[in-house]
Structures are given as structure tokens and as C-alpha cells.
N, C-alpha and C. Protein backbone atom coordinates (compact mmCIF):
# COMPACT_ATOMS: atom_id res chain seq x y z
N MET A 1 -11.71 -15.60 -22.53
CA MET A 1 -10.27 -15.72 -22.69
C MET A 1 -9.60 -15.35 -21.37
N THR A 2 -8.70 -16.17 -20.92
CA THR A 2 -8.01 -15.92 -19.66
C THR A 2 -6.69 -15.20 -19.91
N ASP A 3 -6.30 -14.43 -18.92
CA ASP A 3 -5.04 -13.69 -18.99
C ASP A 3 -3.91 -14.63 -18.58
N ALA A 4 -2.94 -14.85 -19.46
CA ALA A 4 -1.85 -15.79 -19.19
C ALA A 4 -0.68 -15.14 -18.47
N ARG A 5 -0.79 -13.83 -18.17
CA ARG A 5 0.30 -13.15 -17.48
C ARG A 5 0.42 -13.64 -16.04
N THR A 6 1.65 -13.69 -15.57
CA THR A 6 1.95 -14.05 -14.19
C THR A 6 1.72 -12.83 -13.31
N ARG A 7 0.98 -13.01 -12.20
CA ARG A 7 0.78 -11.92 -11.24
C ARG A 7 1.95 -11.95 -10.26
N THR A 8 2.70 -10.85 -10.22
CA THR A 8 3.91 -10.77 -9.40
C THR A 8 3.86 -9.51 -8.55
N PRO A 9 4.00 -9.65 -7.22
CA PRO A 9 4.04 -8.46 -6.37
C PRO A 9 5.23 -7.59 -6.70
N VAL A 10 5.04 -6.27 -6.67
CA VAL A 10 6.13 -5.33 -6.90
C VAL A 10 7.22 -5.55 -5.85
N VAL A 11 6.80 -5.75 -4.59
CA VAL A 11 7.73 -6.07 -3.52
C VAL A 11 7.15 -7.28 -2.77
N ALA A 12 7.84 -8.40 -2.82
CA ALA A 12 7.35 -9.62 -2.19
C ALA A 12 7.25 -9.46 -0.67
N GLY A 13 6.17 -9.95 -0.10
CA GLY A 13 5.99 -9.97 1.34
C GLY A 13 5.40 -8.71 1.95
N TRP A 14 5.09 -7.70 1.14
CA TRP A 14 4.54 -6.46 1.69
C TRP A 14 3.02 -6.49 1.75
N PHE A 15 2.38 -7.42 1.02
CA PHE A 15 0.93 -7.55 1.05
C PHE A 15 0.55 -8.97 0.67
N THR A 16 -0.69 -9.34 1.01
CA THR A 16 -1.15 -10.69 0.71
C THR A 16 -1.35 -10.85 -0.79
N ASP A 17 -1.36 -12.07 -1.24
CA ASP A 17 -1.59 -12.30 -2.67
C ASP A 17 -3.05 -12.60 -2.95
N THR A 18 -3.91 -12.40 -1.95
CA THR A 18 -5.33 -12.64 -2.13
C THR A 18 -6.01 -11.42 -2.74
N GLN A 19 -7.14 -11.64 -3.32
CA GLN A 19 -7.94 -10.56 -3.89
C GLN A 19 -9.15 -10.31 -2.99
N GLY A 20 -9.83 -9.21 -3.20
CA GLY A 20 -11.09 -8.95 -2.51
C GLY A 20 -10.93 -8.61 -1.04
N GLN A 21 -11.87 -9.08 -0.22
CA GLN A 21 -11.97 -8.71 1.18
C GLN A 21 -10.77 -9.17 2.03
N ASP A 22 -10.07 -10.21 1.60
CA ASP A 22 -8.95 -10.73 2.39
C ASP A 22 -7.63 -10.02 2.11
N PHE A 23 -7.61 -9.09 1.16
CA PHE A 23 -6.38 -8.39 0.81
C PHE A 23 -5.94 -7.49 1.96
N ARG A 24 -4.68 -7.59 2.37
CA ARG A 24 -4.13 -6.76 3.46
C ARG A 24 -2.67 -6.45 3.21
N LEU A 25 -2.23 -5.30 3.73
CA LEU A 25 -0.81 -5.02 3.83
C LEU A 25 -0.26 -5.85 4.97
N LEU A 26 1.01 -6.26 4.88
CA LEU A 26 1.62 -7.08 5.92
C LEU A 26 2.77 -6.32 6.56
N GLY A 27 2.75 -6.27 7.87
CA GLY A 27 3.83 -5.65 8.63
C GLY A 27 4.43 -6.65 9.58
N THR A 28 5.27 -6.17 10.47
CA THR A 28 5.81 -7.01 11.54
C THR A 28 5.58 -6.31 12.87
N ARG A 29 5.40 -7.12 13.91
CA ARG A 29 5.20 -6.60 15.26
C ARG A 29 6.26 -7.22 16.16
N CYS A 30 6.86 -6.38 17.01
CA CYS A 30 7.85 -6.85 17.98
C CYS A 30 7.11 -7.45 19.17
N THR A 31 7.49 -8.65 19.56
CA THR A 31 6.82 -9.31 20.69
C THR A 31 7.21 -8.68 22.03
N ALA A 32 8.31 -7.94 22.08
CA ALA A 32 8.75 -7.33 23.35
C ALA A 32 8.05 -6.00 23.61
N CYS A 33 7.94 -5.14 22.60
CA CYS A 33 7.40 -3.79 22.83
C CYS A 33 6.09 -3.52 22.09
N ALA A 34 5.67 -4.44 21.23
CA ALA A 34 4.43 -4.34 20.44
C ALA A 34 4.49 -3.29 19.33
N SER A 35 5.67 -2.74 19.02
CA SER A 35 5.80 -1.80 17.91
C SER A 35 5.53 -2.54 16.60
N VAL A 36 4.83 -1.85 15.69
CA VAL A 36 4.49 -2.42 14.39
C VAL A 36 5.25 -1.65 13.32
N PHE A 37 5.75 -2.37 12.31
CA PHE A 37 6.57 -1.78 11.27
C PHE A 37 6.01 -2.09 9.88
N PHE A 38 6.02 -1.09 9.02
CA PHE A 38 5.75 -1.24 7.60
C PHE A 38 6.54 -0.16 6.89
N PRO A 39 7.34 -0.50 5.90
CA PRO A 39 7.54 -1.85 5.39
C PRO A 39 8.06 -2.80 6.48
N ARG A 40 7.90 -4.06 6.19
CA ARG A 40 8.29 -5.12 7.11
C ARG A 40 9.73 -4.95 7.60
N GLU A 41 9.94 -5.41 8.79
CA GLU A 41 11.30 -5.48 9.35
C GLU A 41 11.50 -6.92 9.77
N ASP A 42 12.53 -7.56 9.28
CA ASP A 42 12.77 -8.96 9.62
C ASP A 42 14.03 -9.16 10.46
N ALA A 43 14.85 -8.13 10.59
CA ALA A 43 16.14 -8.30 11.27
C ALA A 43 16.08 -7.95 12.76
N PHE A 44 15.53 -6.77 13.11
CA PHE A 44 15.53 -6.34 14.51
C PHE A 44 14.46 -5.28 14.71
N CYS A 45 14.08 -5.07 15.95
CA CYS A 45 13.10 -4.05 16.31
C CYS A 45 13.73 -2.67 16.14
N ARG A 46 13.06 -1.79 15.40
CA ARG A 46 13.59 -0.45 15.14
C ARG A 46 13.25 0.54 16.26
N ASN A 47 12.52 0.11 17.26
CA ASN A 47 12.18 0.99 18.38
C ASN A 47 13.44 1.15 19.23
N PRO A 48 13.99 2.38 19.33
CA PRO A 48 15.24 2.57 20.07
C PRO A 48 15.11 2.29 21.57
N GLY A 49 13.90 2.30 22.10
CA GLY A 49 13.71 2.02 23.52
C GLY A 49 13.45 0.56 23.83
N CYS A 50 13.51 -0.29 22.83
CA CYS A 50 13.19 -1.72 23.02
C CYS A 50 14.47 -2.53 23.21
N VAL A 51 14.39 -3.52 24.09
CA VAL A 51 15.52 -4.42 24.30
C VAL A 51 15.58 -5.49 23.22
N GLY A 52 14.55 -5.57 22.42
CA GLY A 52 14.52 -6.53 21.30
C GLY A 52 13.65 -7.72 21.61
N GLY A 53 12.93 -8.11 20.62
CA GLY A 53 12.06 -9.27 20.73
C GLY A 53 11.93 -9.92 19.37
N GLU A 54 11.19 -11.00 19.33
CA GLU A 54 10.94 -11.68 18.08
C GLU A 54 10.00 -10.81 17.24
N LEU A 55 10.22 -10.79 15.93
CA LEU A 55 9.35 -10.05 15.02
C LEU A 55 8.43 -11.03 14.33
N VAL A 56 7.13 -10.79 14.44
CA VAL A 56 6.14 -11.69 13.85
C VAL A 56 5.33 -10.93 12.80
N GLU A 57 4.94 -11.63 11.75
CA GLU A 57 4.15 -11.02 10.69
C GLU A 57 2.75 -10.74 11.21
N VAL A 58 2.22 -9.55 10.86
CA VAL A 58 0.86 -9.18 11.23
C VAL A 58 0.19 -8.48 10.05
N PRO A 59 -1.09 -8.79 9.81
CA PRO A 59 -1.83 -8.02 8.81
C PRO A 59 -2.16 -6.65 9.41
N LEU A 60 -2.02 -5.61 8.60
CA LEU A 60 -2.32 -4.26 9.07
C LEU A 60 -3.81 -3.97 8.90
N SER A 61 -4.26 -2.92 9.55
CA SER A 61 -5.67 -2.51 9.44
C SER A 61 -6.03 -2.32 7.97
N LYS A 62 -7.22 -2.74 7.62
CA LYS A 62 -7.70 -2.61 6.25
C LYS A 62 -8.12 -1.17 5.94
N ARG A 63 -8.55 -0.44 6.97
CA ARG A 63 -9.03 0.93 6.78
C ARG A 63 -8.22 1.92 7.60
N GLY A 64 -8.18 3.15 7.09
CA GLY A 64 -7.52 4.24 7.79
C GLY A 64 -8.11 5.56 7.33
N ARG A 65 -7.49 6.65 7.76
CA ARG A 65 -7.98 8.00 7.40
C ARG A 65 -6.88 8.74 6.64
N VAL A 66 -7.32 9.50 5.62
CA VAL A 66 -6.37 10.28 4.82
C VAL A 66 -5.67 11.27 5.74
N TRP A 67 -4.36 11.18 5.78
CA TRP A 67 -3.52 12.08 6.56
C TRP A 67 -3.03 13.23 5.69
N SER A 68 -2.74 12.90 4.40
CA SER A 68 -2.33 13.89 3.41
C SER A 68 -2.44 13.24 2.03
N TYR A 69 -2.40 14.06 0.99
CA TYR A 69 -2.46 13.53 -0.38
C TYR A 69 -1.91 14.58 -1.35
N THR A 70 -1.53 14.12 -2.54
CA THR A 70 -1.03 15.02 -3.57
C THR A 70 -1.13 14.33 -4.93
N ASP A 71 -1.10 15.13 -5.99
CA ASP A 71 -1.00 14.59 -7.34
C ASP A 71 0.45 14.22 -7.60
N GLY A 72 0.68 13.06 -8.15
CA GLY A 72 2.02 12.66 -8.59
C GLY A 72 2.11 12.92 -10.08
N ARG A 73 2.74 14.00 -10.46
CA ARG A 73 2.76 14.40 -11.88
C ARG A 73 4.12 14.18 -12.54
N TYR A 74 4.86 13.20 -12.04
CA TYR A 74 6.17 12.89 -12.63
C TYR A 74 6.32 11.37 -12.68
N ARG A 75 7.18 10.91 -13.54
CA ARG A 75 7.47 9.46 -13.60
C ARG A 75 8.23 9.09 -12.34
N PRO A 76 7.77 8.07 -11.62
CA PRO A 76 8.47 7.70 -10.39
C PRO A 76 9.79 7.00 -10.68
N PRO A 77 10.71 7.10 -9.73
CA PRO A 77 12.00 6.42 -9.90
C PRO A 77 11.87 4.93 -9.61
N SER A 78 12.90 4.20 -9.85
CA SER A 78 12.97 2.77 -9.55
C SER A 78 12.67 2.57 -8.06
N PRO A 79 11.98 1.53 -7.63
CA PRO A 79 11.72 0.27 -8.32
C PRO A 79 10.45 0.27 -9.16
N TYR A 80 9.77 1.39 -9.28
CA TYR A 80 8.56 1.43 -10.08
C TYR A 80 8.90 1.29 -11.55
N VAL A 81 8.07 0.56 -12.26
CA VAL A 81 8.29 0.29 -13.67
C VAL A 81 7.53 1.35 -14.47
N SER A 82 8.22 2.00 -15.38
CA SER A 82 7.59 3.06 -16.17
C SER A 82 8.18 3.01 -17.57
N ASP A 83 7.36 2.71 -18.55
CA ASP A 83 7.79 2.63 -19.94
C ASP A 83 7.91 4.03 -20.51
N PRO A 84 9.11 4.47 -20.89
CA PRO A 84 9.29 5.83 -21.42
C PRO A 84 8.56 6.06 -22.75
N HIS A 85 8.11 4.99 -23.41
CA HIS A 85 7.43 5.12 -24.70
C HIS A 85 5.91 5.25 -24.53
N VAL A 86 5.44 5.13 -23.32
CA VAL A 86 4.01 5.23 -23.04
C VAL A 86 3.75 6.57 -22.37
N GLU A 87 2.69 7.25 -22.80
CA GLU A 87 2.35 8.54 -22.21
C GLU A 87 2.14 8.39 -20.72
N TRP A 88 2.77 9.26 -19.93
CA TRP A 88 2.68 9.21 -18.47
C TRP A 88 1.31 9.70 -18.02
N GLN A 89 0.68 8.94 -17.13
CA GLN A 89 -0.60 9.31 -16.54
C GLN A 89 -0.35 9.64 -15.07
N PRO A 90 -0.65 10.87 -14.64
CA PRO A 90 -0.46 11.22 -13.23
C PRO A 90 -1.30 10.32 -12.33
N SER A 91 -0.84 10.15 -11.11
CA SER A 91 -1.60 9.37 -10.13
C SER A 91 -1.66 10.19 -8.84
N VAL A 92 -2.58 9.81 -7.99
CA VAL A 92 -2.74 10.50 -6.71
C VAL A 92 -2.06 9.67 -5.64
N LEU A 93 -1.17 10.29 -4.89
CA LEU A 93 -0.49 9.63 -3.77
C LEU A 93 -1.22 10.00 -2.49
N VAL A 94 -1.46 8.99 -1.65
CA VAL A 94 -2.23 9.18 -0.43
C VAL A 94 -1.42 8.66 0.76
N ALA A 95 -1.29 9.48 1.79
CA ALA A 95 -0.70 9.07 3.06
C ALA A 95 -1.87 8.77 3.99
N VAL A 96 -1.94 7.53 4.47
CA VAL A 96 -3.08 7.06 5.26
C VAL A 96 -2.62 6.72 6.67
N GLU A 97 -3.31 7.29 7.65
CA GLU A 97 -3.01 7.00 9.05
C GLU A 97 -3.81 5.77 9.49
N LEU A 98 -3.07 4.77 9.95
CA LEU A 98 -3.68 3.57 10.53
C LEU A 98 -3.66 3.75 12.04
N ALA A 99 -4.80 4.04 12.62
CA ALA A 99 -4.87 4.40 14.04
C ALA A 99 -4.40 3.27 14.95
N ALA A 100 -4.81 2.04 14.67
CA ALA A 100 -4.45 0.92 15.55
C ALA A 100 -2.95 0.70 15.58
N GLU A 101 -2.28 0.89 14.45
CA GLU A 101 -0.84 0.65 14.35
C GLU A 101 -0.03 1.91 14.69
N ARG A 102 -0.71 3.07 14.77
CA ARG A 102 -0.05 4.35 15.06
C ARG A 102 1.04 4.64 14.03
N MET A 103 0.65 4.54 12.74
CA MET A 103 1.60 4.81 11.66
C MET A 103 0.87 5.36 10.45
N VAL A 104 1.65 5.96 9.53
CA VAL A 104 1.13 6.46 8.27
C VAL A 104 1.77 5.64 7.15
N VAL A 105 0.92 5.17 6.23
CA VAL A 105 1.37 4.35 5.11
C VAL A 105 1.04 5.07 3.81
N LEU A 106 2.02 5.16 2.92
CA LEU A 106 1.86 5.84 1.64
C LEU A 106 1.46 4.84 0.56
N GLY A 107 0.64 5.28 -0.38
CA GLY A 107 0.27 4.45 -1.52
C GLY A 107 -0.48 5.28 -2.54
N GLN A 108 -0.78 4.69 -3.67
CA GLN A 108 -1.54 5.38 -4.70
C GLN A 108 -3.03 5.22 -4.43
N ALA A 109 -3.81 6.20 -4.88
CA ALA A 109 -5.27 6.06 -4.88
C ALA A 109 -5.65 5.15 -6.04
N VAL A 110 -6.81 4.53 -5.95
CA VAL A 110 -7.27 3.69 -7.05
C VAL A 110 -7.41 4.54 -8.31
N PRO A 111 -7.21 3.94 -9.47
CA PRO A 111 -7.39 4.70 -10.72
C PRO A 111 -8.79 5.32 -10.75
N GLY A 112 -8.84 6.55 -11.26
CA GLY A 112 -10.11 7.25 -11.35
C GLY A 112 -10.39 8.19 -10.19
N VAL A 113 -9.63 8.06 -9.09
CA VAL A 113 -9.79 8.97 -7.95
C VAL A 113 -8.78 10.09 -8.10
N SER A 114 -9.26 11.33 -8.11
CA SER A 114 -8.38 12.49 -8.24
C SER A 114 -8.18 13.13 -6.88
N ALA A 115 -7.24 14.06 -6.82
CA ALA A 115 -7.00 14.79 -5.56
C ALA A 115 -8.27 15.54 -5.14
N ALA A 116 -9.06 15.98 -6.10
CA ALA A 116 -10.31 16.69 -5.79
C ALA A 116 -11.33 15.78 -5.11
N ASP A 117 -11.18 14.47 -5.25
CA ASP A 117 -12.11 13.51 -4.63
C ASP A 117 -11.75 13.20 -3.18
N LEU A 118 -10.60 13.67 -2.70
CA LEU A 118 -10.12 13.31 -1.37
C LEU A 118 -10.18 14.50 -0.43
N ALA A 119 -10.17 14.19 0.87
CA ALA A 119 -10.11 15.21 1.91
C ALA A 119 -9.38 14.62 3.10
N VAL A 120 -8.61 15.45 3.79
CA VAL A 120 -7.94 14.99 5.01
C VAL A 120 -9.01 14.51 5.98
N GLY A 121 -8.77 13.34 6.58
CA GLY A 121 -9.72 12.76 7.53
C GLY A 121 -10.70 11.78 6.91
N MET A 122 -10.77 11.74 5.57
CA MET A 122 -11.68 10.83 4.87
C MET A 122 -11.26 9.39 5.13
N GLU A 123 -12.23 8.50 5.30
CA GLU A 123 -11.92 7.08 5.50
C GLU A 123 -11.64 6.42 4.15
N VAL A 124 -10.56 5.64 4.11
CA VAL A 124 -10.17 4.89 2.92
C VAL A 124 -9.86 3.46 3.32
N GLU A 125 -9.84 2.58 2.32
CA GLU A 125 -9.49 1.18 2.57
C GLU A 125 -8.47 0.72 1.56
N VAL A 126 -7.66 -0.24 1.97
CA VAL A 126 -6.64 -0.80 1.09
C VAL A 126 -7.28 -1.87 0.22
N VAL A 127 -6.92 -1.84 -1.08
CA VAL A 127 -7.42 -2.81 -2.06
C VAL A 127 -6.28 -3.23 -2.97
N PRO A 128 -6.38 -4.42 -3.58
CA PRO A 128 -5.33 -4.83 -4.52
C PRO A 128 -5.32 -3.93 -5.74
N GLY A 129 -4.13 -3.71 -6.28
CA GLY A 129 -4.00 -2.86 -7.46
C GLY A 129 -2.96 -3.40 -8.42
N VAL A 130 -2.90 -2.77 -9.57
CA VAL A 130 -1.91 -3.12 -10.59
C VAL A 130 -1.04 -1.90 -10.83
N LEU A 131 0.26 -2.09 -10.74
CA LEU A 131 1.19 -1.00 -10.99
C LEU A 131 1.52 -0.90 -12.47
N ASN A 132 1.74 -2.08 -13.10
CA ASN A 132 2.14 -2.10 -14.50
C ASN A 132 1.90 -3.49 -15.05
N GLU A 133 1.82 -3.57 -16.36
CA GLU A 133 1.69 -4.86 -17.04
C GLU A 133 2.58 -4.87 -18.26
N ASP A 134 3.14 -6.02 -18.55
CA ASP A 134 3.84 -6.21 -19.82
C ASP A 134 3.31 -7.49 -20.43
N ALA A 135 3.93 -8.01 -21.46
CA ALA A 135 3.42 -9.18 -22.16
C ALA A 135 3.36 -10.42 -21.27
N ASP A 136 4.26 -10.50 -20.28
CA ASP A 136 4.35 -11.71 -19.46
C ASP A 136 3.85 -11.53 -18.03
N THR A 137 3.89 -10.30 -17.50
CA THR A 137 3.70 -10.11 -16.07
C THR A 137 2.73 -8.97 -15.76
N THR A 138 1.87 -9.20 -14.76
CA THR A 138 1.07 -8.15 -14.15
C THR A 138 1.72 -7.86 -12.81
N TRP A 139 2.26 -6.65 -12.65
CA TRP A 139 2.95 -6.26 -11.42
C TRP A 139 1.91 -5.71 -10.44
N THR A 140 1.71 -6.42 -9.32
CA THR A 140 0.66 -6.05 -8.37
C THR A 140 1.20 -5.18 -7.24
N THR A 141 0.30 -4.39 -6.67
CA THR A 141 0.61 -3.49 -5.57
C THR A 141 -0.66 -3.28 -4.76
N TRP A 142 -0.69 -2.23 -3.95
CA TRP A 142 -1.90 -1.87 -3.23
C TRP A 142 -2.32 -0.47 -3.62
N HIS A 143 -3.60 -0.20 -3.49
CA HIS A 143 -4.16 1.13 -3.71
C HIS A 143 -5.06 1.48 -2.54
N TRP A 144 -5.29 2.78 -2.34
CA TRP A 144 -6.24 3.26 -1.34
C TRP A 144 -7.51 3.70 -2.06
N ARG A 145 -8.66 3.24 -1.56
CA ARG A 145 -9.95 3.58 -2.14
C ARG A 145 -10.84 4.24 -1.09
N PRO A 146 -11.45 5.38 -1.43
CA PRO A 146 -12.38 5.99 -0.48
C PRO A 146 -13.50 5.03 -0.11
N VAL A 147 -13.87 5.03 1.16
CA VAL A 147 -14.99 4.19 1.62
C VAL A 147 -16.26 4.97 1.36
N GLU A 148 -17.17 4.35 0.67
CA GLU A 148 -18.44 5.00 0.36
C GLU A 148 -19.26 5.15 1.63
N VAL A 149 -19.87 6.30 1.79
CA VAL A 149 -20.75 6.55 2.93
C VAL A 149 -22.14 6.08 2.53
N ALA A 150 -22.71 5.22 3.39
CA ALA A 150 -24.06 4.71 3.10
C ALA A 150 -25.07 5.85 3.13
N ALA A 151 -25.94 5.87 2.14
CA ALA A 151 -26.94 6.95 2.04
C ALA A 151 -28.13 6.69 2.94
């Protein structure tokens, strides 16, 4: 049986709509100063030292290192969808440093990963995730997953 729900990004244009290995967060890079932005910037370069350049879409690094993390034990505010009639399940929020882009990106850990499973400096990778589902729509997002160390 196939799922008839429409897959809809929580925020359009912030990540690819592909699954698996091709999934990436999408940012913008200024052609004048090479600054990279996430969330995307489409209007102007936010670098105060830049004279301004064209902003082009760039896929961000797939992997980064845990910069910080915490348990999210409250219902998040809008734009996140949260049904008040459904028992709230805490999630782990992870701040990940992308070395190549010189930035920190926040997101949830994959379901099943607790704060006890993480450590500052641990390598993680971005993967497609689901924020919420209703009868018609699967709301997609990104999650951070620890990279398994080969034994």
C-alpha cells in the first residue's frame, strides 16, 4: 500500500527534495566575498564588509561536528506544527558546525537519538526527516544523525 500523502517541505528552498545520499541543506553564496548563508538569503549579501555580489544557491556540507546540543522538552512555537491533542515527545536539538562554510546550523537529531548519545565534537550528517504528518500531508525537514565509526 502506498502513502497518498503529499510530501511538503516545512520551509521551501531550504533543502533538496531528494532522499538518501543526495539530500542536502541549501544555502546561498555571495560571488563577491564568498560568504555563505543559511537560511538562504536571496536579497543581498549580509556580510557588512562586502560591496555586494550576486547570490547563488549552493549545497551545504553533508557532514559537520556537534557544536552543542540540548533536549527540547517543550512544544515548539510556529512555524512548527504541533497537535495539542497528541502527547508531546521531546526531541534533541543539535547545533552543528560546518567547517567549510564556517557556520553553525541548528536542527533536530534523528528520532531515537538522545542527548546521552551525543558529544561535542562528534561527527554527524544531515538526513531527510519528517516533522509532522496529517491525513493529507507529510511535512518534511532535516535531521542530524551521528556518523557511525567503522569498527
